[in-house]
């Protein structure tokens, strides 16, 4: 099912409807400031496992997740003064920051080093979803198992069919990945150059 949502002023009734699906363990596709993502409630382990199956991904490679703002991040990660200042300058934006996860983060979402990838995209739709849900949603690119990016909600719906409960049509997005920066031990490490200026870390 495709639902059109205004990317600048998301309609509250549509956001509530999608959040209802997330609360029931459903999987959704939604726009971010980089690509269309696939996600579910971070606290629904069955839904997370379904997303692993969708992406044909091994569980030793955890998904990133979306928080609504810096305050929200501090519940789910250990944020040093350096990390806070860095993220405050760049978020919301097309970055994924790798931080040490807090006890609130389910183990399935953490690497062996207990780290997690966290995003605050500059996109009103996904931030509205997280705020209304009250906790993060996981995020992974809407792509086929062989890596083909699906950047159109109608293509996403056609490819995944009934395996995704709701596909949000939030208009066009760039179709490029975020930059991934580790801030572990306050030592910035560029893991992937994508959208977003990373020269501040070089």
Protein backbone atom coordinates (compact mmCIF):
# COMPACT_ATOMS: atom_id res chain seq x y z
CA UNK A 1 0.00 0.00 0.00
CA UNK A 2 1.34 3.43 -0.99
CA UNK A 3 0.52 6.51 1.07
CA UNK A 4 1.41 9.97 -0.21
CA UNK A 5 2.74 12.23 2.55
CA UNK A 6 3.72 15.88 2.16
CA UNK A 7 7.52 16.03 2.61
CA UNK A 8 7.47 19.55 4.05
CA UNK A 9 4.33 19.34 6.21
CA UNK A 10 3.57 15.68 6.90
CA UNK A 11 -0.15 15.17 7.50
CA UNK A 12 -0.69 14.09 11.12
CA UNK A 13 -3.37 11.53 10.23
CA UNK A 14 -1.05 9.78 7.77
CA UNK A 15 1.85 9.78 10.24
CA UNK A 16 -0.45 8.26 12.90
CA UNK A 17 -1.58 5.57 10.48
CA UNK A 18 2.01 4.58 9.64
CA UNK A 19 3.02 4.63 13.31
CA UNK A 20 0.09 2.30 14.05
CA UNK A 21 1.59 -0.18 11.56
CA UNK A 22 5.04 0.17 13.19
CA UNK A 23 3.57 -0.49 16.63
CA UNK A 24 1.95 -3.67 15.31
CA UNK A 25 5.30 -4.97 14.04
CA UNK A 26 4.88 -3.87 10.43
CA UNK A 27 7.62 -2.95 7.98
CA UNK A 28 7.56 0.33 6.07
CA UNK A 29 9.48 2.09 3.31
CA UNK A 30 10.01 5.83 3.73
CA UNK A 31 12.02 8.76 2.35
CA UNK A 32 15.12 10.18 4.03
CA UNK A 33 17.43 13.02 2.99
CA UNK A 34 19.59 10.52 1.07
CA UNK A 35 17.59 7.51 -0.19
CA UNK A 36 14.37 5.67 0.44
CA UNK A 37 14.78 3.47 3.48
CA UNK A 38 13.16 0.32 4.83
CA UNK A 39 12.53 0.09 8.54
CA UNK A 40 10.56 -1.02 11.54
CA UNK A 41 10.27 -0.38 15.27
CA UNK A 42 13.69 -0.82 16.92
CA UNK A 43 12.01 -2.66 19.81
CA UNK A 44 10.25 -5.30 17.72
CA UNK A 45 12.71 -8.16 17.27
CA UNK A 46 10.43 -10.18 14.96
CA UNK A 47 10.07 -7.19 12.63
CA UNK A 48 13.85 -6.64 12.64
CA UNK A 49 14.41 -10.27 11.68
CA UNK A 50 11.95 -9.86 8.81
CA UNK A 51 13.98 -6.89 7.55
CA UNK A 52 17.15 -9.05 7.70
CA UNK A 53 15.33 -11.61 5.55
CA UNK A 54 14.11 -8.92 3.14
CA UNK A 55 17.65 -7.66 2.66
CA UNK A 56 19.21 -11.15 2.79
CA UNK A 57 21.66 -9.79 5.32
CA UNK A 58 23.55 -11.64 8.05
CA UNK A 59 22.71 -10.61 11.62
CA UNK A 60 26.35 -9.88 12.44
CA UNK A 61 25.92 -6.70 10.33
CA UNK A 62 23.45 -4.60 12.35
CA UNK A 63 21.27 -1.95 10.77
CA UNK A 64 21.54 1.72 11.64
CA UNK A 65 18.61 3.50 13.24
CA UNK A 66 16.99 6.92 13.11
CA UNK A 67 16.63 9.22 16.10
CA UNK A 68 14.59 12.42 16.09
CA UNK A 69 17.26 14.80 17.47
CA UNK A 70 20.43 15.04 19.57
CA UNK A 71 18.55 14.67 22.85
CA UNK A 72 16.98 11.48 21.51
CA UNK A 73 20.44 10.17 20.47
CA UNK A 74 21.69 10.60 24.06
CA UNK A 75 19.16 7.97 25.24
CA UNK A 76 20.51 5.37 22.84
CA UNK A 77 24.24 6.15 22.69
CA UNK A 78 27.07 7.36 24.87
CA UNK A 79 27.68 10.90 23.64
CA UNK A 80 30.88 12.68 24.69
CA UNK A 81 31.24 16.46 24.59
CA UNK A 82 33.24 16.12 21.38
CA UNK A 83 30.61 13.91 19.75
CA UNK A 84 27.83 16.25 20.85
CA UNK A 85 29.52 19.33 19.40
CA UNK A 86 30.32 17.50 16.17
CA UNK A 87 26.79 16.19 15.68
CA UNK A 88 25.17 19.48 16.69
CA UNK A 89 27.05 21.15 13.83
CA UNK A 90 26.03 18.58 11.20
CA UNK A 91 22.60 17.23 12.17
CA UNK A 92 19.98 16.91 10.91
CA UNK A 93 21.82 15.90 7.77
CA UNK A 94 23.09 13.10 5.52
CA UNK A 95 25.41 11.48 8.05
CA UNK A 96 25.47 8.19 9.96
CA UNK A 97 27.48 8.45 13.17
CA UNK A 98 28.91 5.33 14.80
CA UNK A 99 28.77 5.57 18.59
CA UNK A 100 28.84 3.22 21.54
CA UNK A 101 25.28 2.06 22.15
CA UNK A 102 23.51 2.46 25.48
CA UNK A 103 21.71 -0.30 27.40
CA UNK A 104 18.44 0.75 25.78
CA UNK A 105 19.59 -0.51 22.38
CA UNK A 106 18.55 -4.13 21.67
CA UNK A 107 21.56 -6.45 21.26
CA UNK A 108 20.46 -7.33 17.72
CA UNK A 109 21.17 -3.68 16.79
CA UNK A 110 24.75 -3.61 18.14
CA UNK A 111 28.05 -4.77 16.68
CA UNK A 112 30.37 -7.02 18.67
CA UNK A 113 32.06 -3.85 19.91
CA UNK A 114 28.65 -2.65 21.19
CA UNK A 115 28.55 0.17 18.65
CA UNK A 116 25.59 1.42 16.64
CA UNK A 117 25.05 3.57 13.55
CA UNK A 118 22.72 6.48 14.25
CA UNK A 119 21.06 8.94 11.85
CA UNK A 120 19.05 12.14 12.18
CA UNK A 121 18.04 12.77 8.55
CA UNK A 122 17.00 16.19 7.33
CA UNK A 123 13.58 14.85 6.36
CA UNK A 124 10.36 15.85 8.09
CA UNK A 125 8.55 12.59 7.35
CA UNK A 126 10.93 10.15 9.03
CA UNK A 127 11.56 12.52 11.97
CA UNK A 128 7.79 12.83 12.49
CA UNK A 129 7.48 9.04 12.51
CA UNK A 130 10.16 8.67 15.19
CA UNK A 131 8.66 11.42 17.35
CA UNK A 132 5.16 9.95 17.22
CA UNK A 133 6.37 6.37 17.72
CA UNK A 134 8.39 7.51 20.75
CA UNK A 135 11.52 5.53 19.87
CA UNK A 136 13.88 4.99 16.92
CA UNK A 137 13.14 3.09 13.73
CA UNK A 138 15.76 1.00 11.98
CA UNK A 139 16.98 2.14 8.59
CA UNK A 140 18.47 0.31 5.64
CA UNK A 141 18.43 1.27 1.99
CA UNK A 142 15.50 0.20 -0.17
CA UNK A 143 17.60 -1.96 -2.44
CA UNK A 144 17.55 -5.42 -3.96
CA UNK A 145 19.86 -8.16 -2.61
CA UNK A 146 22.22 -7.55 -5.55
CA UNK A 147 22.54 -3.88 -4.59
CA UNK A 148 20.21 -2.18 -7.06
CA UNK A 149 18.86 0.98 -5.43
CA UNK A 150 15.08 1.37 -5.56
CA UNK A 151 14.56 5.12 -5.31
CA UNK A 152 10.95 5.29 -6.43
CA UNK A 153 8.10 4.34 -4.07
CA UNK A 154 6.21 2.58 -6.89
CA UNK A 155 9.25 0.45 -7.76
CA UNK A 156 9.70 -0.36 -4.06
CA UNK A 157 6.08 -1.46 -3.75
CA UNK A 158 6.29 -3.53 -6.92
CA UNK A 159 9.52 -5.26 -5.84
CA UNK A 160 8.68 -6.03 -2.20
CA UNK A 161 4.92 -6.50 -2.60
CA UNK A 162 3.27 -7.83 0.57
CA UNK A 163 6.57 -8.06 2.47
CA UNK A 164 6.27 -4.33 3.23
CA UNK A 165 3.01 -3.11 4.75
CA UNK A 166 3.24 0.59 3.81
CA UNK A 167 5.36 2.46 1.28
CA UNK A 168 5.41 6.22 1.85
CA UNK A 169 5.57 8.37 -1.25
CA UNK A 170 7.37 11.45 0.03
CA UNK A 171 8.56 12.74 -3.31
CA UNK A 172 12.00 12.53 -4.92
CA UNK A 173 15.17 12.06 -2.85
CA UNK A 174 18.83 12.22 -3.99
CA UNK A 175 19.41 8.46 -4.19
CA UNK A 176 22.90 8.54 -2.70
CA UNK A 177 24.07 7.03 0.61
CA UNK A 178 24.95 8.98 3.76
CA UNK A 179 28.52 9.51 4.89
CA UNK A 180 29.42 7.18 7.75
CA UNK A 181 31.68 8.61 10.47
CA UNK A 182 32.86 6.75 13.57
CA UNK A 183 33.24 8.95 16.66
CA UNK A 184 34.38 6.12 18.95
CA UNK A 185 36.97 7.32 21.53
CA UNK A 186 36.56 10.85 20.10
CA UNK A 187 38.67 9.86 17.10
CA UNK A 188 36.79 10.64 13.88
CA UNK A 189 37.14 7.91 11.30
CA UNK A 190 35.52 8.18 7.86
CA UNK A 191 34.09 4.73 7.14
CA UNK A 192 32.23 5.74 3.98
CA UNK A 193 32.19 8.94 1.95
CA UNK A 194 28.67 9.65 0.77
CA UNK A 195 26.47 12.73 0.86
CA UNK A 196 27.56 15.41 3.32
CA UNK A 197 30.87 17.23 3.62
CA UNK A 198 33.50 15.05 5.32
CA UNK A 199 36.46 17.39 4.85
CA UNK A 200 36.08 18.53 8.48
CA UNK A 201 37.20 15.01 9.48
CA UNK A 202 40.13 14.65 7.06
